[in-house]
């Protein structure tokens, strides 16, 4: 028999208690954000995780993007993380914070992070904030990655 229930007293921390055939397991609940603000693709052979941001980045969207990116980076442990800003025409300071946080996370896991397809307004924000001195901008179309032709998730 399988049962899943919240641990009493741990609801705020988002933990769970799973009982399967009499054995109890506990752990954190990991939020999985799906939807239209970001798509991703993991290229397993090269260990590259590409995030394609599909909307403007404000404070609300930055929180959503942060949760989804954190989950996927921890899940795949990539050597390279690439954020594609092709569809982003506006980004406020919360977007900068989101990118810097993912840069730190990726670096701590031994990977490197890159940005691609920056529109002029977004590039200017990254230049003024000094982000482009930390995180390089690359031309993703120049990369020899045939897997990029496949759909994003």
Protein backbone atom coordinates (compact mmCIF):
# COMPACT_ATOMS: atom_id res chain seq x y z
CA UNK A 1 0.00 0.00 0.00
CA UNK A 2 1.24 3.49 -0.90
CA UNK A 3 0.25 6.65 0.96
CA UNK A 4 1.44 10.22 0.67
CA UNK A 5 0.69 12.83 3.31
CA UNK A 6 2.14 16.05 4.67
CA UNK A 7 4.31 15.74 7.73
CA UNK A 8 2.46 17.42 10.56
CA UNK A 9 4.36 20.54 11.61
CA UNK A 10 6.48 20.63 8.42
CA UNK A 11 3.96 22.10 6.01
CA UNK A 12 5.76 25.45 5.96
CA UNK A 13 9.03 23.80 4.91
CA UNK A 14 7.31 21.77 2.20
CA UNK A 15 8.26 18.28 3.30
CA UNK A 16 6.49 15.03 2.64
CA UNK A 17 6.11 11.62 4.19
CA UNK A 18 5.70 8.63 1.87
CA UNK A 19 4.81 5.18 3.16
CA UNK A 20 5.29 2.20 0.85
CA UNK A 21 4.81 -1.35 2.11
CA UNK A 22 5.40 -0.25 5.69
CA UNK A 23 8.60 1.71 4.96
CA UNK A 24 8.47 5.46 5.61
CA UNK A 25 10.42 7.94 3.46
CA UNK A 26 10.57 11.67 4.05
CA UNK A 27 12.06 14.54 2.09
CA UNK A 28 11.50 17.96 0.55
CA UNK A 29 8.78 18.80 -1.93
CA UNK A 30 10.45 20.25 -5.03
CA UNK A 31 8.24 22.72 -6.90
CA UNK A 32 8.07 21.98 -10.62
CA UNK A 33 6.96 24.98 -12.62
CA UNK A 34 5.57 24.30 -16.05
CA UNK A 35 4.15 26.71 -18.50
CA UNK A 36 4.96 29.36 -20.98
CA UNK A 37 7.65 31.53 -19.40
CA UNK A 38 10.61 29.23 -20.11
CA UNK A 39 11.34 26.14 -22.17
CA UNK A 40 14.41 23.98 -21.76
CA UNK A 41 16.43 21.39 -23.62
CA UNK A 42 19.12 19.11 -22.19
CA UNK A 43 21.76 17.83 -24.59
CA UNK A 44 22.88 14.72 -22.74
CA UNK A 45 25.99 13.89 -24.78
CA UNK A 46 27.48 17.36 -24.30
CA UNK A 47 25.97 17.92 -20.84
CA UNK A 48 24.48 21.26 -21.98
CA UNK A 49 21.27 22.66 -20.50
CA UNK A 50 19.64 25.40 -22.58
CA UNK A 51 16.87 27.59 -21.22
CA UNK A 52 14.82 29.58 -23.73
CA UNK A 53 13.02 32.38 -21.92
CA UNK A 54 9.78 33.15 -23.71
CA UNK A 55 8.43 36.23 -21.89
CA UNK A 56 9.47 39.52 -20.38
CA UNK A 57 11.17 39.19 -16.99
CA UNK A 58 9.68 41.11 -14.08
CA UNK A 59 9.71 40.31 -10.38
CA UNK A 60 6.89 37.75 -10.61
CA UNK A 61 8.35 35.96 -13.66
CA UNK A 62 11.86 35.99 -12.17
CA UNK A 63 10.63 33.96 -9.18
CA UNK A 64 9.00 31.43 -11.49
CA UNK A 65 12.08 31.20 -13.71
CA UNK A 66 14.35 30.82 -10.68
CA UNK A 67 12.39 27.83 -9.34
CA UNK A 68 12.26 26.05 -12.68
CA UNK A 69 15.93 26.72 -13.51
CA UNK A 70 17.10 25.61 -10.05
CA UNK A 71 15.18 22.36 -10.38
CA UNK A 72 16.52 21.55 -13.85
CA UNK A 73 20.13 22.50 -13.00
CA UNK A 74 20.07 20.27 -9.90
CA UNK A 75 18.39 17.48 -11.88
CA UNK A 76 20.80 17.38 -14.82
CA UNK A 77 24.06 18.74 -13.28
CA UNK A 78 25.18 20.18 -16.64
CA UNK A 79 28.68 21.30 -17.58
CA UNK A 80 27.22 24.27 -19.48
CA UNK A 81 24.04 26.26 -18.85
CA UNK A 82 22.90 28.60 -21.62
CA UNK A 83 20.12 31.17 -21.24
CA UNK A 84 18.56 32.19 -24.57
CA UNK A 85 17.00 35.68 -24.44
CA UNK A 86 15.75 35.78 -28.04
CA UNK A 87 12.13 36.48 -27.02
CA UNK A 88 12.89 38.81 -24.10
CA UNK A 89 12.35 42.50 -24.86
CA UNK A 90 12.10 43.73 -21.25
CA UNK A 91 13.87 42.75 -18.04
CA UNK A 92 14.07 44.55 -14.70
CA UNK A 93 16.60 44.17 -11.88
CA UNK A 94 14.93 40.98 -10.61
CA UNK A 95 16.01 39.34 -13.88
CA UNK A 96 19.62 40.30 -13.15
CA UNK A 97 19.31 38.72 -9.71
CA UNK A 98 17.83 35.57 -11.20
CA UNK A 99 20.72 35.23 -13.67
CA UNK A 100 23.42 35.95 -11.05
CA UNK A 101 21.90 33.35 -8.72
CA UNK A 102 21.89 30.68 -11.45
CA UNK A 103 25.48 31.65 -12.30
CA UNK A 104 26.52 31.01 -8.69
CA UNK A 105 24.60 27.72 -8.58
CA UNK A 106 26.11 26.50 -11.86
CA UNK A 107 29.63 27.52 -10.76
CA UNK A 108 29.27 25.71 -7.42
CA UNK A 109 28.35 22.55 -9.34
CA UNK A 110 31.46 22.86 -11.52
CA UNK A 111 29.73 24.16 -14.64
CA UNK A 112 29.84 27.37 -16.62
CA UNK A 113 27.04 29.65 -17.72
CA UNK A 114 26.56 31.60 -20.94
CA UNK A 115 23.99 33.98 -22.42
CA UNK A 116 22.81 34.10 -26.02
CA UNK A 117 20.53 36.08 -28.34
CA UNK A 118 20.49 39.23 -26.21
CA UNK A 119 18.24 41.94 -27.64
CA UNK A 120 19.68 45.49 -27.46
CA UNK A 121 17.61 46.62 -24.43
CA UNK A 122 18.47 43.47 -22.44
CA UNK A 123 22.16 43.60 -23.48
CA UNK A 124 22.32 47.19 -22.23
CA UNK A 125 20.97 46.16 -18.82
CA UNK A 126 23.53 43.34 -18.60
CA UNK A 127 26.36 45.68 -19.66
CA UNK A 128 25.39 48.42 -17.19
CA UNK A 129 25.11 45.91 -14.33
CA UNK A 130 28.47 44.26 -15.13
CA UNK A 131 26.90 40.84 -15.71
CA UNK A 132 28.63 40.47 -19.10
CA UNK A 133 32.01 40.71 -17.34
CA UNK A 134 31.06 37.55 -15.38
CA UNK A 135 28.96 35.63 -17.87
CA UNK A 136 29.99 35.55 -21.53
CA UNK A 137 27.62 36.09 -24.41
CA UNK A 138 27.88 33.43 -27.13
CA UNK A 139 26.46 32.96 -30.62
CA UNK A 140 24.45 29.76 -30.21
CA UNK A 141 23.89 29.46 -33.95
CA UNK A 142 27.66 29.07 -34.43
CA UNK A 143 27.72 26.07 -32.09
CA UNK A 144 27.79 22.69 -33.82
CA UNK A 145 24.85 21.18 -31.96
CA UNK A 146 22.48 19.31 -34.31
CA UNK A 147 20.24 18.49 -31.33
CA UNK A 148 19.17 22.15 -31.24
CA UNK A 149 16.85 21.46 -34.15
CA UNK A 150 14.66 19.30 -31.91
CA UNK A 151 11.79 20.81 -29.92
CA UNK A 152 12.25 22.33 -26.49
CA UNK A 153 10.32 20.97 -23.51
